[in-house]
Amino acid sequence: MGRKNDHDEEPTPWQKASGQSSLGTNSPKKKIKRRLVKDYQIRNFRRMWPFIIIFLMIICAMGFLISPISRVKSIKISGNEIVSIKQIKHYSPVKKGMSLFGVWGKTDKLAGELKDRSQRMQSVKINLVNFNRIHIKVEEYPTIGYLYTDGGYQPILKSGVIIKNKVLNPRDGFPVLKKFKNPKTLRRTIRQYRRINPPVRAAINTISYSPVKSNRDRVYLQMNDGNKVFASISSFGDKMDYYPSINAKLKVKSIINLEVGAYSYPLTKHESKVKS
């Protein structure tokens, strides 16, 4: 019987206890086993990584939601002249401290809501600045005149809207409409008045409803320069644009009649006392 080769020696007790043989840890079987374990781990990771990413995103989202950066930090308002900042903030659907999820992708809708809540708003733009700061830029309808009623003056806007809140003293440079009892007649007059060029509008002191039997549509305009104009509601919006050229030819204060055609004649003492 031949002597055993050194490579055929039995494993020592320590090797048996540790699962190793005299062949060492780099035997082909061990390599295959390690490769299989590694492949299994890689396959598991590939299957699990989408869930890991989703889990991390949920954690980040929850952290964002409870952090101050996820809410409106400040609101800046510009462009307003008549409507106060306090009023705009009251009307605005965007409030300080509200979640940005209520703002992202909805700025146009929110701007429309704010515009509809005030008759003075001609346009509104809402923008996000520096991630969580709001800038509200408004443009108001300008006042083009006042309606005198019950001892007060109601502003008339360029849109044709008459503001219900009265002021005690109208601003200079805007005419006052008087003696209009019929809402339909008033709306027609305002519609025509809006057609007049702004420089001519600024030259009008008052516009009064002044019907006569021959013309139930007549209005009387007292001009700032002392002239008086009679015209028809249906056409004075266009005809008043000729006033500067007519006035340039006058040598004395006159009455200008634009009801039918256009002619003028000097004011008499009696006519100069005509009340508006």
C-alpha atoms as a PDB file:
ATOM      1  CA  MET A   1       0.000   0.000   0.000  1.00  0.00           C
ATOM      2  CA  GLY A   2       1.584   3.282  -1.049  1.00  0.00           C
ATOM      3  CA  ARG A   3       2.084   6.344   1.104  1.00  0.00           C
ATOM      4  CA  LYS A   4      -0.592   9.032   0.970  1.00  0.00           C
ATOM      5  CA  ASN A   5       0.206  12.136  -0.980  1.00  0.00           C
ATOM      6  CA  ASP A   6       0.525  15.331   1.036  1.00  0.00           C
ATOM      7  CA  HIS A   7      -2.442  16.719  -0.876  1.00  0.00           C
ATOM      8  CA  ASP A   8      -4.614  13.803   0.248  1.00  0.00           C
ATOM      9  CA  GLU A   9      -4.120  14.454   3.939  1.00  0.00           C
ATOM     10  CA  GLU A  10      -7.238  14.583   6.077  1.00  0.00           C
ATOM     11  CA  PRO A  11      -8.381  18.036   7.224  1.00  0.00           C
ATOM     12  CA  THR A  12      -7.326  19.018  10.678  1.00  0.00           C
ATOM     13  CA  PRO A  13     -10.013  19.246  13.406  1.00  0.00           C
ATOM     14  CA  TRP A  14      -9.847  23.094  13.241  1.00  0.00           C
ATOM     15  CA  GLN A  15     -10.422  22.995   9.465  1.00  0.00           C
ATOM     16  CA  LYS A  16     -13.357  20.655   9.916  1.00  0.00           C
ATOM     17  CA  ALA A  17     -14.846  22.911  12.591  1.00  0.00           C
ATOM     18  CA  SER A  18     -14.498  26.008  10.422  1.00  0.00           C
ATOM     19  CA  GLY A  19     -15.794  24.261   7.290  1.00  0.00           C
ATOM     20  CA  GLN A  20     -12.443  24.508   5.555  1.00  0.00           C
ATOM     21  CA  SER A  21     -10.404  21.794   3.972  1.00  0.00           C
ATOM     22  CA  SER A  22      -6.790  21.458   3.148  1.00  0.00           C
ATOM     23  CA  LEU A  23      -7.706  22.691  -0.316  1.00  0.00           C
ATOM     24  CA  GLY A  24      -8.002  26.298   1.125  1.00  0.00           C
ATOM     25  CA  THR A  25     -10.609  28.995   0.643  1.00  0.00           C
ATOM     26  CA  ASN A  26      -9.959  29.477  -3.025  1.00  0.00           C
ATOM     27  CA  SER A  27     -11.234  26.103  -4.130  1.00  0.00           C
ATOM     28  CA  PRO A  28     -13.460  26.111  -7.233  1.00  0.00           C
ATOM     29  CA  LYS A  29     -16.507  25.146  -5.172  1.00  0.00           C
ATOM     30  CA  LYS A  30     -16.025  28.066  -2.820  1.00  0.00           C
ATOM     31  CA  LYS A  31     -15.584  30.465  -5.725  1.00  0.00           C
ATOM     32  CA  ILE A  32     -18.767  29.243  -7.354  1.00  0.00           C
ATOM     33  CA  LYS A  33     -20.660  29.541  -4.082  1.00  0.00           C
ATOM     34  CA  ARG A  34     -19.450  33.096  -3.509  1.00  0.00           C
ATOM     35  CA  ARG A  35     -20.330  34.026  -7.071  1.00  0.00           C
ATOM     36  CA  LEU A  36     -23.830  32.630  -6.661  1.00  0.00           C
ATOM     37  CA  VAL A  37     -24.326  34.556  -3.415  1.00  0.00           C
ATOM     38  CA  LYS A  38     -23.078  37.761  -5.015  1.00  0.00           C
ATOM     39  CA  ASP A  39     -25.322  37.293  -8.057  1.00  0.00           C
ATOM     40  CA  TYR A  40     -28.260  36.679  -5.735  1.00  0.00           C
ATOM     41  CA  GLN A  41     -27.528  39.870  -3.835  1.00  0.00           C
ATOM     42  CA  ILE A  42     -27.200  41.866  -7.049  1.00  0.00           C
ATOM     43  CA  ARG A  43     -30.514  40.499  -8.340  1.00  0.00           C
ATOM     44  CA  ASN A  44     -32.212  41.353  -5.056  1.00  0.00           C
ATOM     45  CA  PHE A  45     -30.799  44.874  -5.122  1.00  0.00           C
ATOM     46  CA  ARG A  46     -31.948  45.395  -8.685  1.00  0.00           C
ATOM     47  CA  ARG A  47     -35.441  44.307  -7.695  1.00  0.00           C
ATOM     48  CA  MET A  48     -35.479  46.426  -4.555  1.00  0.00           C
ATOM     49  CA  TRP A  49     -33.830  49.666  -5.688  1.00  0.00           C
ATOM     50  CA  PRO A  50     -37.059  51.222  -7.109  1.00  0.00           C
ATOM     51  CA  PHE A  51     -38.736  50.667  -3.729  1.00  0.00           C
ATOM     52  CA  ILE A  52     -35.717  52.132  -1.962  1.00  0.00           C
ATOM     53  CA  ILE A  53     -35.858  55.238  -4.187  1.00  0.00           C
ATOM     54  CA  ILE A  54     -39.606  55.617  -3.580  1.00  0.00           C
ATOM     55  CA  PHE A  55     -39.094  55.249   0.161  1.00  0.00           C
ATOM     56  CA  LEU A  56     -36.377  57.913   0.149  1.00  0.00           C
ATOM     57  CA  MET A  57     -38.583  60.226  -1.923  1.00  0.00           C
ATOM     58  CA  ILE A  58     -41.437  59.792   0.559  1.00  0.00           C
ATOM     59  CA  ILE A  59     -39.111  60.627   3.429  1.00  0.00           C
ATOM     60  CA  CYS A  60     -37.847  63.729   1.588  1.00  0.00           C
ATOM     61  CA  ALA A  61     -41.402  64.805   0.698  1.00  0.00           C
ATOM     62  CA  MET A  62     -42.555  64.439   4.298  1.00  0.00           C
ATOM     63  CA  GLY A  63     -39.568  66.445   5.454  1.00  0.00           C
ATOM     64  CA  PHE A  64     -40.359  69.146   2.876  1.00  0.00           C
ATOM     65  CA  LEU A  65     -44.018  69.322   3.891  1.00  0.00           C
ATOM     66  CA  ILE A  66     -43.259  69.980   7.534  1.00  0.00           C
ATOM     67  CA  SER A  67     -40.508  72.500   6.797  1.00  0.00           C
ATOM     68  CA  PRO A  68     -41.168  76.285   6.537  1.00  0.00           C
ATOM     69  CA  ILE A  69     -39.749  76.358   3.002  1.00  0.00           C
ATOM     70  CA  SER A  70     -42.861  74.539   1.727  1.00  0.00           C
ATOM     71  CA  ARG A  71     -45.096  77.520   2.573  1.00  0.00           C
ATOM     72  CA  VAL A  72     -45.545  81.058   1.260  1.00  0.00           C
ATOM     73  CA  LYS A  73     -43.004  83.140   3.130  1.00  0.00           C
ATOM     74  CA  SER A  74     -44.029  86.648   2.064  1.00  0.00           C
ATOM     75  CA  ILE A  75     -46.376  88.535  -0.290  1.00  0.00           C
ATOM     76  CA  LYS A  76     -45.308  91.691  -2.130  1.00  0.00           C
ATOM     77  CA  ILE A  77     -47.891  93.888  -3.881  1.00  0.00           C
ATOM     78  CA  SER A  78     -47.171  96.546  -6.503  1.00  0.00           C
ATOM     79  CA  GLY A  79     -49.024  98.667  -9.059  1.00  0.00           C
ATOM     80  CA  ASN A  80     -51.926  99.649  -6.816  1.00  0.00           C
ATOM     81  CA  GLU A  81     -52.954 103.290  -6.390  1.00  0.00           C
ATOM     82  CA  ILE A  82     -56.552 103.364  -5.159  1.00  0.00           C
ATOM     83  CA  VAL A  83     -57.010  99.885  -3.698  1.00  0.00           C
ATOM     84  CA  SER A  84     -54.937  99.553  -0.544  1.00  0.00           C
ATOM     85  CA  ILE A  85     -52.423  96.768   0.099  1.00  0.00           C
ATOM     86  CA  LYS A  86     -54.607  95.672   3.012  1.00  0.00           C
ATOM     87  CA  GLN A  87     -57.636  95.321   0.724  1.00  0.00           C
ATOM     88  CA  ILE A  88     -55.677  93.384  -1.900  1.00  0.00           C
ATOM     89  CA  LYS A  89     -54.359  90.981   0.739  1.00  0.00           C
ATOM     90  CA  HIS A  90     -57.928  90.550   1.966  1.00  0.00           C
ATOM     91  CA  TYR A  91     -59.218  89.804  -1.540  1.00  0.00           C
ATOM     92  CA  SER A  92     -56.241  87.620  -2.491  1.00  0.00           C
ATOM     93  CA  PRO A  93     -56.729  83.823  -2.427  1.00  0.00           C
ATOM     94  CA  VAL A  94     -52.978  83.522  -1.746  1.00  0.00           C
ATOM     95  CA  LYS A  95     -52.190  83.924   1.925  1.00  0.00           C
ATOM     96  CA  LYS A  96     -48.926  84.032   3.838  1.00  0.00           C
ATOM     97  CA  GLY A  97     -48.191  80.598   5.300  1.00  0.00           C
ATOM     98  CA  MET A  98     -50.304  78.622   2.819  1.00  0.00           C
ATOM     99  CA  SER A  99     -48.799  75.526   1.196  1.00  0.00           C
ATOM    100  CA  LEU A 100     -46.941  76.033  -2.068  1.00  0.00           C
ATOM    101  CA  PHE A 101     -48.890  73.076  -3.458  1.00  0.00           C
ATOM    102  CA  GLY A 102     -51.849  75.452  -3.592  1.00  0.00           C
ATOM    103  CA  VAL A 103     -49.834  77.878  -5.735  1.00  0.00           C
ATOM    104  CA  TRP A 104     -47.683  75.806  -8.102  1.00  0.00           C
ATOM    105  CA  GLY A 105     -49.264  75.676 -11.549  1.00  0.00           C
ATOM    106  CA  LYS A 106     -52.258  77.720 -10.387  1.00  0.00           C
ATOM    107  CA  THR A 107     -50.993  81.312 -10.507  1.00  0.00           C
ATOM    108  CA  ASP A 108     -53.170  82.302 -13.489  1.00  0.00           C
ATOM    109  CA  LYS A 109     -56.283  80.891 -11.831  1.00  0.00           C
ATOM    110  CA  LEU A 110     -55.488  82.605  -8.532  1.00  0.00           C
ATOM    111  CA  ALA A 111     -54.861  85.914 -10.343  1.00  0.00           C
ATOM    112  CA  GLY A 112     -58.259  85.598 -12.043  1.00  0.00           C
ATOM    113  CA  GLU A 113     -59.962  85.016  -8.701  1.00  0.00           C
ATOM    114  CA  LEU A 114     -58.339  88.122  -7.236  1.00  0.00           C
ATOM    115  CA  LYS A 115     -59.286  90.238 -10.274  1.00  0.00           C
ATOM    116  CA  ASP A 116     -62.935  89.156 -10.017  1.00  0.00           C
ATOM    117  CA  ARG A 117     -63.113  90.181  -6.354  1.00  0.00           C
ATOM    118  CA  SER A 118     -62.529  93.886  -7.002  1.00  0.00           C
ATOM    119  CA  GLN A 119     -64.228  96.049  -9.617  1.00  0.00           C
ATOM    120  CA  ARG A 120     -61.147  98.258  -9.794  1.00  0.00           C
ATOM    121  CA  MET A 121     -58.819  95.489 -10.975  1.00  0.00           C
ATOM    122  CA  GLN A 122     -58.067  95.711 -14.684  1.00  0.00           C
ATOM    123  CA  SER A 123     -55.376  93.029 -14.619  1.00  0.00           C
ATOM    124  CA  VAL A 124     -53.591  90.901 -12.015  1.00  0.00           C
ATOM    125  CA  LYS A 125     -50.411  88.847 -12.274  1.00  0.00           C
ATOM    126  CA  ILE A 126     -49.173  86.482  -9.566  1.00  0.00           C
ATOM    127  CA  ASN A 127     -45.598  85.189  -9.706  1.00  0.00           C
ATOM    128  CA  LEU A 128     -43.450  83.006  -7.469  1.00  0.00           C
ATOM    129  CA  VAL A 129     -40.129  84.681  -6.653  1.00  0.00           C
ATOM    130  CA  ASN A 130     -37.166  83.016  -4.915  1.00  0.00           C
ATOM    131  CA  PHE A 131     -39.096  79.750  -4.639  1.00  0.00           C
ATOM    132  CA  ASN A 132     -41.567  80.650  -1.866  1.00  0.00           C
ATOM    133  CA  ARG A 133     -42.147  84.411  -2.122  1.00  0.00           C
ATOM    134  CA  ILE A 134     -45.221  85.798  -3.908  1.00  0.00           C
ATOM    135  CA  HIS A 135     -45.305  88.957  -6.046  1.00  0.00           C
ATOM    136  CA  ILE A 136     -48.766  90.290  -6.908  1.00  0.00           C
ATOM    137  CA  LYS A 137     -48.742  92.973  -9.600  1.00  0.00           C
ATOM    138  CA  VAL A 138     -52.026  94.755 -10.233  1.00  0.00           C
ATOM    139  CA  GLU A 139     -53.260  97.309 -12.741  1.00  0.00           C
ATOM    140  CA  GLU A 140     -56.332  99.302 -11.788  1.00  0.00           C
ATOM    141  CA  TYR A 141     -59.028 100.783 -13.986  1.00  0.00           C
ATOM    142  CA  PRO A 142     -58.457 104.532 -13.857  1.00  0.00           C
ATOM    143  CA  THR A 143     -61.180 106.899 -12.676  1.00  0.00           C
ATOM    144  CA  ILE A 144     -62.594 108.918 -15.570  1.00  0.00           C
ATOM    145  CA  GLY A 145     -65.290 110.890 -13.781  1.00  0.00           C
ATOM    146  CA  TYR A 146     -67.760 111.049 -10.910  1.00  0.00           C
ATOM    147  CA  LEU A 147     -71.504 110.634 -10.564  1.00  0.00           C
ATOM    148  CA  TYR A 148     -73.082 113.147  -8.192  1.00  0.00           C
ATOM    149  CA  THR A 149     -75.785 111.548  -6.081  1.00  0.00           C
ATOM    150  CA  ASP A 150     -77.288 112.234  -2.664  1.00  0.00           C
ATOM    151  CA  GLY A 151     -74.581 114.634  -1.555  1.00  0.00           C
ATOM    152  CA  GLY A 152     -71.670 112.428  -2.558  1.00  0.00           C
ATOM    153  CA  TYR A 153     -69.607 111.484  -5.573  1.00  0.00           C
ATOM    154  CA  GLN A 154     -69.365 107.949  -6.917  1.00  0.00           C
ATOM    155  CA  PRO A 155     -66.202 107.240  -8.994  1.00  0.00           C
ATOM    156  CA  ILE A 156     -66.783 106.171 -12.585  1.00  0.00           C
ATOM    157  CA  LEU A 157     -64.110 103.781 -13.856  1.00  0.00           C
ATOM    158  CA  LYS A 158     -62.779 103.437 -17.388  1.00  0.00           C
ATOM    159  CA  SER A 159     -64.521 100.056 -17.536  1.00  0.00           C
ATOM    160  CA  GLY A 160     -67.849 101.883 -17.151  1.00  0.00           C
ATOM    161  CA  VAL A 161     -68.376 100.545 -13.634  1.00  0.00           C
ATOM    162  CA  ILE A 162     -69.678 103.002 -11.038  1.00  0.00           C
ATOM    163  CA  ILE A 163     -68.179 102.403  -7.603  1.00  0.00           C
ATOM    164  CA  LYS A 164     -70.821 102.378  -4.867  1.00  0.00           C
ATOM    165  CA  ASN A 165     -68.567 103.852  -2.199  1.00  0.00           C
ATOM    166  CA  LYS A 166     -68.853 107.635  -2.307  1.00  0.00           C
ATOM    167  CA  VAL A 167     -66.177 110.257  -1.814  1.00  0.00           C
ATOM    168  CA  LEU A 168     -66.830 113.718  -0.447  1.00  0.00           C
ATOM    169  CA  ASN A 169     -64.479 115.567  -2.781  1.00  0.00           C
ATOM    170  CA  PRO A 170     -63.865 114.482  -6.393  1.00  0.00           C
ATOM    171  CA  ARG A 171     -60.342 114.702  -7.747  1.00  0.00           C
ATOM    172  CA  ASP A 172     -59.505 117.623 -10.017  1.00  0.00           C
ATOM    173  CA  GLY A 173     -59.415 116.997 -13.741  1.00  0.00           C
ATOM    174  CA  PHE A 174     -62.431 114.690 -13.837  1.00  0.00           C
ATOM    175  CA  PRO A 175     -65.953 115.805 -14.814  1.00  0.00           C
ATOM    176  CA  VAL A 176     -68.995 115.287 -12.642  1.00  0.00           C
ATOM    177  CA  LEU A 177     -72.175 113.752 -14.093  1.00  0.00           C
ATOM    178  CA  LYS A 178     -75.406 115.185 -12.721  1.00  0.00           C
ATOM    179  CA  LYS A 179     -79.191 114.758 -12.908  1.00  0.00           C
ATOM    180  CA  PHE A 180     -79.101 111.229 -14.293  1.00  0.00           C
ATOM    181  CA  LYS A 181     -82.012 109.355 -12.740  1.00  0.00           C
ATOM    182  CA  ASN A 182     -82.513 106.664 -15.348  1.00  0.00           C
ATOM    183  CA  PRO A 183     -79.792 103.944 -15.139  1.00  0.00           C
ATOM    184  CA  LYS A 184     -80.088 103.155 -18.842  1.00  0.00           C
ATOM    185  CA  THR A 185     -79.597 106.809 -19.817  1.00  0.00           C
ATOM    186  CA  LEU A 186     -76.623 107.014 -17.467  1.00  0.00           C
ATOM    187  CA  ARG A 187     -74.997 103.909 -18.979  1.00  0.00           C
ATOM    188  CA  ARG A 188     -75.443 105.301 -22.505  1.00  0.00           C
ATOM    189  CA  THR A 189     -73.900 108.615 -21.448  1.00  0.00           C
ATOM    190  CA  ILE A 190     -70.898 106.917 -19.815  1.00  0.00           C
ATOM    191  CA  ARG A 191     -70.418 104.723 -22.888  1.00  0.00           C
ATOM    192  CA  GLN A 192     -70.248 107.831 -25.102  1.00  0.00           C
ATOM    193  CA  TYR A 193     -68.122 109.752 -22.624  1.00  0.00           C
ATOM    194  CA  ARG A 194     -65.500 106.978 -22.665  1.00  0.00           C
ATOM    195  CA  ARG A 195     -65.090 107.571 -26.419  1.00  0.00           C
ATOM    196  CA  ILE A 196     -63.841 111.127 -25.922  1.00  0.00           C
ATOM    197  CA  ASN A 197     -60.085 111.666 -26.092  1.00  0.00           C
ATOM    198  CA  PRO A 198     -58.569 112.105 -22.585  1.00  0.00           C
ATOM    199  CA  PRO A 199     -57.366 115.718 -23.167  1.00  0.00           C
ATOM    200  CA  VAL A 200     -60.897 116.772 -24.123  1.00  0.00           C
ATOM    201  CA  ARG A 201     -62.387 114.824 -21.208  1.00  0.00           C
ATOM    202  CA  ALA A 202     -60.099 116.769 -18.865  1.00  0.00           C
ATOM    203  CA  ALA A 203     -61.552 120.025 -20.231  1.00  0.00           C
ATOM    204  CA  ILE A 204     -65.095 119.098 -19.126  1.00  0.00           C
ATOM    205  CA  ASN A 205     -66.285 120.314 -15.728  1.00  0.00           C
ATOM    206  CA  THR A 206     -69.780 118.812 -15.569  1.00  0.00           C
ATOM    207  CA  ILE A 207     -72.135 116.777 -17.744  1.00  0.00           C
ATOM    208  CA  SER A 208     -75.825 117.168 -16.941  1.00  0.00           C
ATOM    209  CA  TYR A 209     -78.851 115.423 -18.352  1.00  0.00           C
ATOM    210  CA  SER A 210     -80.882 118.263 -19.861  1.00  0.00           C
ATOM    211  CA  PRO A 211     -83.783 116.975 -21.987  1.00  0.00           C
ATOM    212  CA  VAL A 212     -86.134 119.258 -23.909  1.00  0.00           C
ATOM    213  CA  LYS A 213     -89.255 118.498 -25.948  1.00  0.00           C
ATOM    214  CA  SER A 214     -87.327 118.632 -29.199  1.00  0.00           C
ATOM    215  CA  ASN A 215     -84.552 116.377 -27.886  1.00  0.00           C
ATOM    216  CA  ARG A 216     -85.133 114.026 -24.954  1.00  0.00           C
ATOM    217  CA  ASP A 217     -81.547 112.844 -25.420  1.00  0.00           C
ATOM    218  CA  ARG A 218     -79.908 116.207 -24.755  1.00  0.00           C
ATOM    219  CA  VAL A 219     -76.966 116.710 -22.407  1.00  0.00           C
ATOM    220  CA  TYR A 220     -75.403 119.950 -21.236  1.00  0.00           C
ATOM    221  CA  LEU A 221     -71.623 120.187 -20.754  1.00  0.00           C
ATOM    222  CA  GLN A 222     -70.033 122.958 -18.730  1.00  0.00           C
ATOM    223  CA  MET A 223     -66.438 123.373 -19.851  1.00  0.00           C
ATOM    224  CA  ASN A 224     -63.568 124.472 -17.606  1.00  0.00           C
ATOM    225  CA  ASP A 225     -62.836 127.417 -19.906  1.00  0.00           C
ATOM    226  CA  GLY A 226     -66.336 128.862 -19.473  1.00  0.00           C
ATOM    227  CA  ASN A 227     -67.895 127.639 -22.717  1.00  0.00           C
ATOM    228  CA  LYS A 228     -71.137 125.631 -22.684  1.00  0.00           C
ATOM    229  CA  VAL A 229     -71.929 122.723 -24.973  1.00  0.00           C
ATOM    230  CA  PHE A 230     -75.267 121.139 -25.851  1.00  0.00           C
ATOM    231  CA  ALA A 231     -75.182 117.725 -27.484  1.00  0.00           C
ATOM    232  CA  SER A 232     -77.073 114.467 -27.873  1.00  0.00           C
ATOM    233  CA  ILE A 233     -76.160 111.417 -25.825  1.00  0.00           C
ATOM    234  CA  SER A 234     -76.088 109.221 -28.917  1.00  0.00           C
ATOM    235  CA  SER A 235     -73.333 111.226 -30.651  1.00  0.00           C
ATOM    236  CA  PHE A 236     -71.449 113.535 -28.285  1.00  0.00           C
ATOM    237  CA  GLY A 237     -68.723 110.928 -27.716  1.00  0.00           C
ATOM    238  CA  ASP A 238     -67.444 111.464 -31.250  1.00  0.00           C
ATOM    239  CA  LYS A 239     -68.425 115.092 -31.739  1.00  0.00           C
ATOM    240  CA  MET A 240     -66.621 116.370 -28.633  1.00  0.00           C
ATOM    241  CA  ASP A 241     -63.279 115.556 -30.240  1.00  0.00           C
ATOM    242  CA  TYR A 242     -63.920 118.570 -32.510  1.00  0.00           C
ATOM    243  CA  TYR A 243     -64.201 120.867 -29.496  1.00  0.00           C
ATOM    244  CA  PRO A 244     -60.536 122.053 -29.488  1.00  0.00           C
ATOM    245  CA  SER A 245     -60.700 123.218 -33.121  1.00  0.00           C
ATOM    246  CA  ILE A 246     -64.074 124.917 -32.573  1.00  0.00           C
ATOM    247  CA  ASN A 247     -62.878 126.627 -29.398  1.00  0.00           C
ATOM    248  CA  ALA A 248     -59.731 127.899 -31.146  1.00  0.00           C
ATOM    249  CA  LYS A 249     -61.909 130.003 -33.477  1.00  0.00           C
ATOM    250  CA  LEU A 250     -64.015 131.559 -30.704  1.00  0.00           C
ATOM    251  CA  LYS A 251     -63.250 135.115 -29.610  1.00  0.00           C
ATOM    252  CA  VAL A 252     -65.651 135.180 -26.629  1.00  0.00           C
ATOM    253  CA  LYS A 253     -67.217 132.644 -24.303  1.00  0.00           C
ATOM    254  CA  SER A 254     -69.872 130.885 -26.300  1.00  0.00           C
ATOM    255  CA  ILE A 255     -72.521 128.232 -26.453  1.00  0.00           C
ATOM    256  CA  ILE A 256     -71.591 125.422 -28.812  1.00  0.00           C
ATOM    257  CA  ASN A 257     -74.406 123.271 -30.132  1.00  0.00           C
ATOM    258  CA  LEU A 258     -73.490 119.796 -31.354  1.00  0.00           C
ATOM    259  CA  GLU A 259     -77.003 118.331 -31.415  1.00  0.00           C
ATOM    260  CA  VAL A 260     -77.369 118.651 -35.161  1.00  0.00           C
ATOM    261  CA  GLY A 261     -74.235 119.616 -37.012  1.00  0.00           C
ATOM    262  CA  ALA A 262     -72.017 122.046 -35.107  1.00  0.00           C
ATOM    263  CA  TYR A 263     -72.455 125.770 -34.581  1.00  0.00           C
ATOM    264  CA  SER A 264     -71.790 128.328 -31.855  1.00  0.00           C
ATOM    265  CA  TYR A 265     -72.928 131.744 -30.681  1.00  0.00           C
ATOM    266  CA  PRO A 266     -71.743 134.086 -27.919  1.00  0.00           C
ATOM    267  CA  LEU A 267     -73.070 133.728 -24.404  1.00  0.00           C
ATOM    268  CA  THR A 268     -75.566 136.387 -23.340  1.00  0.00           C
ATOM    269  CA  LYS A 269     -75.933 137.523 -19.775  1.00  0.00           C
ATOM    270  CA  HIS A 270     -79.056 135.409 -19.427  1.00  0.00           C
ATOM    271  CA  GLU A 271     -77.500 132.328 -20.940  1.00  0.00           C
ATOM    272  CA  SER A 272     -74.425 132.638 -18.751  1.00  0.00           C
ATOM    273  CA  LYS A 273     -76.658 132.004 -15.723  1.00  0.00           C
ATOM    274  CA  VAL A 274     -77.771 128.588 -16.980  1.00  0.00           C
ATOM    275  CA  LYS A 275     -77.306 126.149 -14.103  1.00  0.00           C
ATOM    276  CA  SER A 276     -75.784 122.714 -14.537  1.00  0.00           C
END
